[in-house]
Amino acid sequence: MTPPITTAASDKTIQLTKGQQRASHALKTIEEYAKFEKHEHYVSYVSAMPAQIINNGLGQTLATLLAAAARTKSPMSDPHFALCKHVTDWLRCNMDELKPSEVGPIGVLKQLMECDQSTFVRAQTESMLYLDWLKKFARAFMNDSDSVTPQM
């Protein structure tokens, strides 16, 4: 679980709501990722992901992102992989049902394929709520050089 946040100005520990934790994590994730030059198409991918989850489910959407990254010359630096990693990192850190020892998108995906239905539905819901923030910050802080939404 995400620990309480200590503010730099007052050194007070405050307990953030789950929504604030999502927003804070998404902002930090996007700020860090935006430092890299190669984030082409990321905004399009993150914008399309909620609809893909609704149409295909969380597991298939994550697997599709990993497959798209695997088809590139450098999968680990591909925006498909980055988006998958961003979402699975959030899930791994914020769902007690997922073992933190299973790191990386593939480890989280394996756990999602083996969990009970209520855990899977919770993960899917949590992903959608997190993606709302991730998408807003990506649109705010990144330029997507793509004028047409690329295929995932």
C-alpha atoms as a PDB file:
ATOM      1  CA  MET A   1       0.000   0.000   0.000  1.00  0.00           C
ATOM      2  CA  THR A   2       1.067   3.568  -0.586  1.00  0.00           C
ATOM      3  CA  PRO A   3       2.358   5.086   2.679  1.00  0.00           C
ATOM      4  CA  PRO A   4       1.163   8.454   3.978  1.00  0.00           C
ATOM      5  CA  ILE A   5       2.788  11.410   2.247  1.00  0.00           C
ATOM      6  CA  THR A   6       5.085  13.816   4.076  1.00  0.00           C
ATOM      7  CA  THR A   7       4.907  17.349   2.771  1.00  0.00           C
ATOM      8  CA  ALA A   8       8.227  19.132   2.309  1.00  0.00           C
ATOM      9  CA  ALA A   9       6.904  22.469   3.504  1.00  0.00           C
ATOM     10  CA  SER A  10       5.623  21.387   6.880  1.00  0.00           C
ATOM     11  CA  ASP A  11       7.130  17.940   7.499  1.00  0.00           C
ATOM     12  CA  LYS A  12       3.664  16.822   8.530  1.00  0.00           C
ATOM     13  CA  THR A  13       2.446  13.401   7.591  1.00  0.00           C
ATOM     14  CA  ILE A  14      -0.941  13.542   5.936  1.00  0.00           C
ATOM     15  CA  GLN A  15      -3.142  10.682   4.837  1.00  0.00           C
ATOM     16  CA  LEU A  16      -4.187  11.097   1.223  1.00  0.00           C
ATOM     17  CA  THR A  17      -7.412   9.728  -0.167  1.00  0.00           C
ATOM     18  CA  LYS A  18      -7.130   6.896  -2.685  1.00  0.00           C
ATOM     19  CA  GLY A  19      -7.977   9.366  -5.457  1.00  0.00           C
ATOM     20  CA  GLN A  20      -5.185  11.690  -4.316  1.00  0.00           C
ATOM     21  CA  GLN A  21      -2.770   8.753  -4.200  1.00  0.00           C
ATOM     22  CA  ARG A  22      -3.693   7.806  -7.773  1.00  0.00           C
ATOM     23  CA  ALA A  23      -3.241  11.378  -8.961  1.00  0.00           C
ATOM     24  CA  SER A  24       0.077  11.787  -7.147  1.00  0.00           C
ATOM     25  CA  HIS A  25       1.468   8.515  -8.485  1.00  0.00           C
ATOM     26  CA  ALA A  26       0.278   9.265 -12.029  1.00  0.00           C
ATOM     27  CA  LEU A  27       1.816  12.736 -11.962  1.00  0.00           C
ATOM     28  CA  LYS A  28       5.172  11.409 -10.747  1.00  0.00           C
ATOM     29  CA  THR A  29       5.065   8.641 -13.344  1.00  0.00           C
ATOM     30  CA  ILE A  30       4.343  11.033 -16.220  1.00  0.00           C
ATOM     31  CA  GLU A  31       6.880  13.626 -15.065  1.00  0.00           C
ATOM     32  CA  GLU A  32       9.566  10.938 -14.958  1.00  0.00           C
ATOM     33  CA  TYR A  33       8.567   9.389 -18.277  1.00  0.00           C
ATOM     34  CA  ALA A  34       8.260  12.770 -20.037  1.00  0.00           C
ATOM     35  CA  LYS A  35      11.974  13.378 -19.429  1.00  0.00           C
ATOM     36  CA  PHE A  36      12.761  10.786 -22.087  1.00  0.00           C
ATOM     37  CA  GLU A  37      12.741  11.884 -25.698  1.00  0.00           C
ATOM     38  CA  LYS A  38      11.142   8.673 -26.972  1.00  0.00           C
ATOM     39  CA  HIS A  39       7.590   8.872 -25.742  1.00  0.00           C
ATOM     40  CA  GLU A  40       6.112   9.091 -29.200  1.00  0.00           C
ATOM     41  CA  HIS A  41       2.503   7.837 -29.365  1.00  0.00           C
ATOM     42  CA  TYR A  42       2.248   7.379 -25.571  1.00  0.00           C
ATOM     43  CA  VAL A  43      -0.587   9.927 -25.286  1.00  0.00           C
ATOM     44  CA  SER A  44      -2.552   8.077 -27.969  1.00  0.00           C
ATOM     45  CA  TYR A  45      -1.963   4.718 -26.305  1.00  0.00           C
ATOM     46  CA  VAL A  46      -2.950   5.894 -22.826  1.00  0.00           C
ATOM     47  CA  SER A  47      -6.032   7.621 -24.264  1.00  0.00           C
ATOM     48  CA  ALA A  48      -7.136   4.410 -26.009  1.00  0.00           C
ATOM     49  CA  MET A  49      -6.454   2.027 -23.135  1.00  0.00           C
ATOM     50  CA  PRO A  50      -9.677   2.534 -21.109  1.00  0.00           C
ATOM     51  CA  ALA A  51     -11.822   1.682 -24.145  1.00  0.00           C
ATOM     52  CA  GLN A  52      -9.636  -1.336 -24.855  1.00  0.00           C
ATOM     53  CA  ILE A  53     -10.097  -2.547 -21.263  1.00  0.00           C
ATOM     54  CA  ILE A  54     -13.882  -2.170 -21.582  1.00  0.00           C
ATOM     55  CA  ASN A  55     -13.922  -4.025 -24.915  1.00  0.00           C
ATOM     56  CA  ASN A  56     -11.324  -6.727 -24.248  1.00  0.00           C
ATOM     57  CA  GLY A  57     -10.710  -6.850 -20.505  1.00  0.00           C
ATOM     58  CA  LEU A  58      -7.638  -5.910 -18.498  1.00  0.00           C
ATOM     59  CA  GLY A  59      -5.670  -9.106 -19.115  1.00  0.00           C
ATOM     60  CA  GLN A  60      -5.998  -9.015 -22.886  1.00  0.00           C
ATOM     61  CA  THR A  61      -5.218  -5.295 -22.997  1.00  0.00           C
ATOM     62  CA  LEU A  62      -2.017  -5.723 -20.989  1.00  0.00           C
ATOM     63  CA  ALA A  63      -1.020  -8.735 -23.102  1.00  0.00           C
ATOM     64  CA  THR A  64      -1.648  -6.722 -26.275  1.00  0.00           C
ATOM     65  CA  LEU A  65       0.608  -3.927 -25.036  1.00  0.00           C
ATOM     66  CA  LEU A  66       3.375  -6.404 -24.235  1.00  0.00           C
ATOM     67  CA  ALA A  67       2.997  -8.085 -27.627  1.00  0.00           C
ATOM     68  CA  ALA A  68       3.175  -4.731 -29.431  1.00  0.00           C
ATOM     69  CA  ALA A  69       6.346  -3.836 -27.515  1.00  0.00           C
ATOM     70  CA  ALA A  70       7.895  -7.222 -28.303  1.00  0.00           C
ATOM     71  CA  ARG A  71       7.588  -6.514 -32.042  1.00  0.00           C
ATOM     72  CA  THR A  72       9.899  -3.500 -31.801  1.00  0.00           C
ATOM     73  CA  LYS A  73      13.693  -3.275 -31.936  1.00  0.00           C
ATOM     74  CA  SER A  74      13.946  -2.242 -28.297  1.00  0.00           C
ATOM     75  CA  PRO A  75      10.889  -3.543 -26.408  1.00  0.00           C
ATOM     76  CA  MET A  76      11.881  -2.192 -22.985  1.00  0.00           C
ATOM     77  CA  SER A  77      11.939   1.398 -24.265  1.00  0.00           C
ATOM     78  CA  ASP A  78       8.754   1.107 -26.324  1.00  0.00           C
ATOM     79  CA  PRO A  79       5.778   3.248 -25.202  1.00  0.00           C
ATOM     80  CA  HIS A  80       3.528   0.149 -25.214  1.00  0.00           C
ATOM     81  CA  PHE A  81       5.790  -1.457 -22.625  1.00  0.00           C
ATOM     82  CA  ALA A  82       6.033   1.790 -20.633  1.00  0.00           C
ATOM     83  CA  LEU A  83       2.246   2.115 -20.421  1.00  0.00           C
ATOM     84  CA  CYS A  84       1.869  -1.512 -19.387  1.00  0.00           C
ATOM     85  CA  LYS A  85       4.569  -1.040 -16.752  1.00  0.00           C
ATOM     86  CA  HIS A  86       2.976   2.154 -15.427  1.00  0.00           C
ATOM     87  CA  VAL A  87      -0.399   0.477 -14.896  1.00  0.00           C
ATOM     88  CA  THR A  88       0.995  -2.758 -13.457  1.00  0.00           C
ATOM     89  CA  ASP A  89       3.337  -0.857 -11.115  1.00  0.00           C
ATOM     90  CA  TRP A  90       0.318   0.962  -9.694  1.00  0.00           C
ATOM     91  CA  LEU A  91      -1.608  -2.282  -9.267  1.00  0.00           C
ATOM     92  CA  ARG A  92       1.323  -4.102  -7.673  1.00  0.00           C
ATOM     93  CA  CYS A  93       1.896  -1.310  -5.155  1.00  0.00           C
ATOM     94  CA  ASN A  94      -1.762  -0.765  -4.289  1.00  0.00           C
ATOM     95  CA  MET A  95      -3.424  -4.142  -4.224  1.00  0.00           C
ATOM     96  CA  ASP A  96      -2.632  -6.346  -1.257  1.00  0.00           C
ATOM     97  CA  GLU A  97      -3.784  -9.388  -3.227  1.00  0.00           C
ATOM     98  CA  LEU A  98      -0.873  -9.011  -5.656  1.00  0.00           C
ATOM     99  CA  LYS A  99       2.480 -10.221  -4.365  1.00  0.00           C
ATOM    100  CA  PRO A 100       5.118  -7.486  -4.471  1.00  0.00           C
ATOM    101  CA  SER A 101       7.747 -10.157  -5.165  1.00  0.00           C
ATOM    102  CA  GLU A 102       6.258 -10.631  -8.645  1.00  0.00           C
ATOM    103  CA  VAL A 103       7.794  -7.584 -10.252  1.00  0.00           C
ATOM    104  CA  GLY A 104       7.347  -6.289 -13.736  1.00  0.00           C
ATOM    105  CA  PRO A 105       4.343  -6.326 -16.009  1.00  0.00           C
ATOM    106  CA  ILE A 106       4.608 -10.031 -16.805  1.00  0.00           C
ATOM    107  CA  GLY A 107       4.668 -10.968 -13.109  1.00  0.00           C
ATOM    108  CA  VAL A 108       1.558  -8.895 -12.420  1.00  0.00           C
ATOM    109  CA  LEU A 109      -0.175 -10.252 -15.531  1.00  0.00           C
ATOM    110  CA  LYS A 110       0.517 -13.837 -14.398  1.00  0.00           C
ATOM    111  CA  GLN A 111      -0.982 -13.068 -10.990  1.00  0.00           C
ATOM    112  CA  LEU A 112      -4.055 -11.519 -12.591  1.00  0.00           C
ATOM    113  CA  MET A 113      -4.573 -14.669 -14.659  1.00  0.00           C
ATOM    114  CA  GLU A 114      -4.512 -16.793 -11.502  1.00  0.00           C
ATOM    115  CA  CYS A 115      -6.526 -14.642  -9.076  1.00  0.00           C
ATOM    116  CA  ASP A 116     -10.180 -14.940  -8.124  1.00  0.00           C
ATOM    117  CA  GLN A 117     -12.870 -13.001  -9.954  1.00  0.00           C
ATOM    118  CA  SER A 118     -13.360 -10.322  -7.287  1.00  0.00           C
ATOM    119  CA  THR A 119      -9.629  -9.514  -7.271  1.00  0.00           C
ATOM    120  CA  PHE A 120      -9.568  -9.348 -11.071  1.00  0.00           C
ATOM    121  CA  VAL A 121     -12.605  -7.049 -11.197  1.00  0.00           C
ATOM    122  CA  ARG A 122     -11.037  -4.848  -8.511  1.00  0.00           C
ATOM    123  CA  ALA A 123      -7.791  -4.684 -10.509  1.00  0.00           C
ATOM    124  CA  GLN A 124      -9.702  -3.737 -13.640  1.00  0.00           C
ATOM    125  CA  THR A 125     -11.625  -1.017 -11.792  1.00  0.00           C
ATOM    126  CA  GLU A 126      -8.461   0.287 -10.162  1.00  0.00           C
ATOM    127  CA  SER A 127      -6.740   0.364 -13.557  1.00  0.00           C
ATOM    128  CA  MET A 128      -9.549   2.433 -15.062  1.00  0.00           C
ATOM    129  CA  LEU A 129      -9.454   4.936 -12.191  1.00  0.00           C
ATOM    130  CA  TYR A 130      -5.656   5.208 -12.414  1.00  0.00           C
ATOM    131  CA  LEU A 131      -5.716   5.575 -16.202  1.00  0.00           C
ATOM    132  CA  ASP A 132      -8.031   8.554 -15.888  1.00  0.00           C
ATOM    133  CA  TRP A 133      -5.256  10.433 -14.067  1.00  0.00           C
ATOM    134  CA  LEU A 134      -2.457   9.035 -16.203  1.00  0.00           C
ATOM    135  CA  LYS A 135      -4.263  10.155 -19.364  1.00  0.00           C
ATOM    136  CA  LYS A 136      -4.891  13.675 -18.025  1.00  0.00           C
ATOM    137  CA  PHE A 137      -1.268  14.192 -17.038  1.00  0.00           C
ATOM    138  CA  ALA A 138       0.068  12.656 -20.260  1.00  0.00           C
ATOM    139  CA  ARG A 139      -2.064  15.066 -22.285  1.00  0.00           C
ATOM    140  CA  ALA A 140      -0.912  17.963 -20.128  1.00  0.00           C
ATOM    141  CA  PHE A 141       2.829  17.252 -20.108  1.00  0.00           C
ATOM    142  CA  MET A 142       3.592  15.365 -23.326  1.00  0.00           C
ATOM    143  CA  ASN A 143       3.333  16.149 -26.990  1.00  0.00           C
ATOM    144  CA  ASP A 144       2.060  13.263 -29.037  1.00  0.00           C
ATOM    145  CA  SER A 145       3.671  13.550 -32.439  1.00  0.00           C
ATOM    146  CA  ASP A 146       0.931  11.394 -33.867  1.00  0.00           C
ATOM    147  CA  SER A 147      -2.034  13.205 -35.350  1.00  0.00           C
ATOM    148  CA  VAL A 148      -3.860   9.908 -35.904  1.00  0.00           C
ATOM    149  CA  THR A 149      -4.376   7.376 -33.129  1.00  0.00           C
ATOM    150  CA  PRO A 150      -1.997   4.500 -33.872  1.00  0.00           C
ATOM    151  CA  GLN A 151      -3.135   0.923 -33.573  1.00  0.00           C
ATOM    152  CA  MET A 152      -2.275  -0.907 -30.383  1.00  0.00           C
END
